[in-house]
Amino acid sequence: MRRWIVGLAAALAAVLPAAAGDFAPAPMKGPTPWTSTRFDDAPGDFTFAVVTDLESGYRTGVFDVAVEDLKLLRPAFVITVGDQIDGGTEDEALLEREWTEFDARLAGLKAPYFHVGGNHDLTNLTQRKVWERRYGARYYHFAYKGVLFLVLDTEDYSPARFAEIYRMRADYLATRETEPEKARTLPYASLMEAKVGEVGDAQSAYFEKVIAANPTARHVVVLMHKPVWRRAGPGGLGRIEAALKGRPYTVLNGHVHRYSHTEKDGRDYVTLGTTGGEWADNDSPGAFDHIMWVTVTKDGPSIANLRLDGVLDKTGKIPAGGDRLCLSRRGPNCPK
């Protein structure tokens, strides 16, 4: 009987999982058919996704593909770098409808979605009021698993300057419809704020305090719509960058509709492409629709860009009818 019991115990040990730990290999002697048992994950690791401009020439159906991709990919959370609605109006009822329609597009998304304002979202004082009524703060911060996220508002102008910029923008857009050459000569076409935005003193002071209050954050991710880091002097990112000096951080922005990467002081500064917006008017290889996929480990963030025409569902197709859409400048469904 004892021999039978010992034999049964040995047989069970050969097929049952290990009592502790995530990895439960089949018992074997000698070489193993795996290279290591040091798995590339840890309790502090996580992934988040970033989507970018879908307005300023919205291409129907593209953002819907991105949402379906995110449902498949299951990041911890999703954050945007702005331009979620068309905006550009002072009609509050229309703005409410646009935001309600946008939020409805996120239905079924398992992960939380963090709003970041772009120039289409925050074009004028009325839009600022609607934003604050629906979503609260225009700039804010949060931490997740030891990583600090700073969300900036790059349309942070004084009320008088905001109204002035809105009028110039409206004149420019109206003229561009009928006289595109003349539109290029109007003040808005070369306006610094139109290209790089502005961060006001109060906002800079807010983030200086946030950074100082979080000295042990293992990484800082700075998100914004316009590349305000390209603006020198007052209104730029200088004060926030100075507060981050010596800290590991990454800067992400949108607005340009063309993907690019640069290093500044040894830090990554990334301009995202589009997630449904009109591509920049050239043949740049940065003209494509994508989701940025960021995996954070103890070594910092690892950034991958998933083109929407490269994420396939279990049937081998692009979700949400994406097989019929033009999702990259040189894609199979794009005009030649």
Foldseek 3Di string as FASTA:
>chain_A
DVVVVVVVVVVCLQPDFDPDDDDGDGDDDDDDPDDDPPDPDDPLKFKEKEAEACDPAFDPQLLLLVLVLQLVVPGQAYEYQEHQFQALDLPLVVLVVRVVVSVVSNPPRPHYYHYAYDCRQPQAPSSVVSCCVVPNDNWDWDDDSLEIETGAELQDDDRVVSVVLSVQVVVLVVCCVPPVVVSCVGPNVPDPCLQAGFGAPVRLVVLLVVLVVRVRRQEYEYGHAHNLCPPDDHRGCVSNVVSCPPHHYEYEYENQQFWDWDDDPNYIYIYAHHSRHDHDPDQDQRNFHWMWMWMQDSVGIDIDTGTQCRRADPVRHSPSPCVCDDGGPPDPNDDD
